[in-house]
Amino acid sequence: DAKNSSYANSPFVLFQPAFSPKIKMFKATVNLEKRNVLLNWKNDNNNVYNYTLYKAKGDEPLRVLKTLDAKTTSFTDAELYPNNQYRYTIKATLNSGTESKMSDVVEVSF
């Protein structure tokens, strides 16, 4: 009755996917002499804000190990105990806030 009206500020809405593709190249190398595991990855997306590494011992659930900046492409894990299985995975957070899916899990015996 009051003839109130409003107009949209933007003529269109941009939708983004919920997740970006996972990091496909993620590997772990065990160094028994130095008692560590070297994790390496490569990501083709240039809009990465940071990476989040996850780790689990045995059948335990994955937990955040470390958050690293976008320029980092490797990490050395020295917090290991002999005669254990470890699992690692990684995901990227993009500048837009979108996260990648988790990479394939890498398993190592130490």
Protein backbone atom coordinates (compact mmCIF):
# COMPACT_ATOMS: atom_id res chain seq x y z
CA ASP A 1 0.00 0.00 0.00
CA ALA A 2 2.91 2.37 0.77
CA LYS A 3 4.39 1.65 -2.70
CA ASN A 4 7.87 0.99 -1.21
CA SER A 5 10.33 -0.61 -3.64
CA SER A 6 14.03 -1.36 -3.93
CA TYR A 7 16.43 -2.32 -6.68
CA ALA A 8 19.29 -4.81 -6.65
CA ASN A 9 22.79 -3.32 -6.60
CA SER A 10 24.15 -6.13 -8.75
CA PRO A 11 22.45 -7.55 -11.84
CA PHE A 12 23.99 -11.02 -11.36
CA VAL A 13 25.21 -13.41 -8.65
CA LEU A 14 28.49 -15.30 -8.99
CA PHE A 15 28.56 -18.80 -7.50
CA GLN A 16 31.82 -20.59 -6.73
CA PRO A 17 32.25 -24.33 -6.20
CA ALA A 18 32.40 -25.49 -2.58
CA PHE A 19 35.83 -27.10 -3.06
CA SER A 20 38.75 -26.68 -5.43
CA PRO A 21 40.50 -29.76 -6.87
CA LYS A 22 42.77 -31.72 -4.54
CA ILE A 23 46.57 -31.55 -4.65
CA LYS A 24 47.54 -34.43 -6.91
CA MET A 25 51.30 -34.61 -6.31
CA PHE A 26 51.91 -35.32 -2.60
CA LYS A 27 54.62 -37.73 -1.47
CA ALA A 28 56.55 -38.74 1.63
CA THR A 29 60.17 -39.90 1.85
CA VAL A 30 61.47 -41.66 4.98
CA ASN A 31 65.04 -40.95 6.09
CA LEU A 32 65.97 -43.46 8.81
CA GLU A 33 69.43 -41.99 9.37
CA LYS A 34 68.06 -38.51 10.12
CA ARG A 35 64.95 -39.98 11.78
CA ASN A 36 62.47 -37.90 9.80
CA VAL A 37 59.92 -37.91 6.99
CA LEU A 38 60.19 -35.37 4.18
CA LEU A 39 56.83 -34.36 2.70
CA ASN A 40 56.75 -32.76 -0.77
CA TRP A 41 53.86 -31.44 -2.83
CA LYS A 42 53.14 -29.53 -5.99
CA ASN A 43 50.01 -27.53 -6.68
CA ASP A 44 49.10 -25.98 -10.04
CA ASN A 45 46.74 -23.39 -8.52
CA ASN A 46 48.39 -19.95 -8.19
CA ASN A 47 45.75 -18.53 -5.84
CA VAL A 48 46.82 -20.46 -2.72
CA TYR A 49 46.73 -18.62 0.60
CA ASN A 50 48.14 -21.47 2.74
CA TYR A 51 48.50 -25.23 3.10
CA THR A 52 47.32 -27.39 5.99
CA LEU A 53 49.14 -30.67 6.69
CA TYR A 54 47.45 -33.49 8.58
CA LYS A 55 49.06 -36.46 10.34
CA ALA A 56 47.89 -39.62 12.07
CA LYS A 57 49.74 -42.42 13.85
CA GLY A 58 48.38 -45.91 13.29
CA ASP A 59 44.58 -45.96 13.32
CA GLU A 60 44.23 -42.61 15.08
CA PRO A 61 42.18 -39.91 13.33
CA LEU A 62 44.00 -37.33 11.22
CA ARG A 63 44.92 -34.14 13.08
CA VAL A 64 46.38 -30.83 11.95
CA LEU A 65 50.16 -31.09 11.94
CA LYS A 66 51.12 -27.69 10.55
CA THR A 67 49.77 -24.74 8.56
CA LEU A 68 52.27 -23.39 6.02
CA ASP A 69 52.36 -20.37 3.74
CA ALA A 70 51.63 -20.58 0.01
CA LYS A 71 55.30 -20.50 -1.05
CA THR A 72 56.19 -23.63 0.91
CA THR A 73 56.31 -26.92 -1.01
CA SER A 74 57.93 -29.23 1.56
CA PHE A 75 57.96 -30.00 5.27
CA THR A 76 60.16 -32.25 7.43
CA ASP A 77 58.42 -34.15 10.22
CA ALA A 78 60.86 -35.21 12.94
CA GLU A 79 58.29 -36.06 15.62
CA LEU A 80 58.30 -39.80 14.98
CA TYR A 81 58.51 -42.95 17.07
CA PRO A 82 60.05 -46.22 15.79
CA ASN A 83 57.89 -49.15 14.74
CA ASN A 84 54.87 -47.05 13.81
CA GLN A 85 52.76 -46.39 10.73
CA TYR A 86 52.07 -42.75 9.88
CA ARG A 87 49.51 -41.26 7.51
CA TYR A 88 49.71 -37.80 5.97
CA THR A 89 47.43 -35.68 3.81
CA ILE A 90 47.30 -32.03 2.75
CA LYS A 91 44.80 -29.44 1.59
CA ALA A 92 45.10 -25.90 0.25
CA THR A 93 43.13 -22.82 1.24
CA LEU A 94 42.73 -20.35 -1.61
CA ASN A 95 42.76 -16.55 -1.39
CA SER A 96 38.97 -16.62 -1.88
CA GLY A 97 38.57 -18.78 1.26
CA THR A 98 37.65 -21.88 -0.74
CA GLU A 99 39.45 -25.03 0.39
CA SER A 100 40.69 -27.87 -1.76
CA LYS A 101 39.66 -31.42 -1.12
CA MET A 102 42.12 -33.49 0.92
CA SER A 103 44.91 -35.08 -1.11
CA ASP A 104 45.26 -38.84 -1.29
CA VAL A 105 46.59 -40.19 2.01
CA VAL A 106 50.28 -41.13 2.01
CA GLU A 107 51.34 -43.90 4.40
CA VAL A 108 54.86 -44.52 5.71
CA SER A 109 56.42 -47.02 8.08
CA PHE A 110 59.01 -45.71 10.47
